[in-house]
Protein backbone atom coordinates (compact mmCIF):
# COMPACT_ATOMS: atom_id res chain seq x y z
CA MET A 1 -65.38 69.44 -39.86
CA ARG A 2 -68.40 70.52 -37.89
CA LEU A 3 -71.10 68.36 -38.88
CA ASP A 4 -73.69 71.07 -40.04
CA LYS A 5 -70.91 71.91 -42.17
CA PHE A 6 -69.90 69.00 -43.95
CA LEU A 7 -73.37 68.61 -44.77
CA LYS A 8 -73.96 71.72 -46.83
CA VAL A 9 -70.58 71.50 -47.90
CA SER A 10 -71.08 68.24 -49.81
CA ARG A 11 -74.38 69.16 -50.88
CA VAL A 12 -76.52 66.84 -48.83
CA ILE A 13 -78.67 69.96 -47.48
CA LYS A 14 -79.09 73.25 -49.04
CA ARG A 15 -78.50 75.24 -46.08
CA ARG A 16 -76.99 75.32 -43.09
CA THR A 17 -79.54 76.07 -40.41
CA VAL A 18 -81.29 73.25 -41.86
CA ALA A 19 -78.33 70.94 -41.62
CA ASN A 20 -78.41 72.31 -38.08
CA GLU A 21 -82.23 71.59 -37.90
CA ALA A 22 -82.05 68.12 -38.96
CA ALA A 23 -78.63 67.23 -36.78
CA ASP A 24 -80.53 68.74 -33.94
CA GLY A 25 -83.76 66.43 -34.85
CA GLY A 26 -81.85 63.37 -34.71
CA ARG A 27 -82.42 62.72 -38.45
CA VAL A 28 -78.31 62.60 -38.68
CA SER A 29 -76.28 59.66 -37.19
CA VAL A 30 -72.01 58.68 -37.43
CA ASN A 31 -71.48 55.30 -36.99
CA GLY A 32 -75.13 54.14 -36.22
CA LYS A 33 -75.22 56.90 -33.06
CA VAL A 34 -77.43 60.33 -33.04
CA VAL A 35 -74.98 63.25 -32.92
CA LYS A 36 -75.70 66.85 -32.54
CA PRO A 37 -74.50 69.56 -35.11
CA SER A 38 -71.28 70.54 -33.32
CA TYR A 39 -70.12 67.04 -33.88
CA ASP A 40 -66.42 66.85 -35.52
CA VAL A 41 -66.74 64.33 -38.99
CA LYS A 42 -63.51 62.27 -39.80
CA VAL A 43 -62.46 61.04 -42.10
CA ARG A 44 -63.41 57.17 -42.70
CA ARG A 45 -66.87 57.90 -41.03
CA TYR A 46 -69.83 56.98 -41.73
CA CYS A 47 -72.79 59.65 -42.13
CA ARG A 48 -76.65 58.77 -42.70
CA ASN A 49 -79.01 61.07 -42.73
CA LYS A 50 -82.72 59.90 -42.64
CA ILE A 51 -84.64 63.44 -44.52
CA TRP A 52 -86.98 63.16 -46.29
CA ARG A 53 -88.92 65.89 -48.38
């Protein structure tokens, strides 16, 4: 599943476009590496985001 879609479906971020912008801005990392919105999220990967409101 794409990272931006995962963030939306898991309700971390309300809209997929916002999730896409967060990943493009370098505010989302998986296993310690900054990734693009199209990154394929797999089971048991550790996702971390830096989203402040």
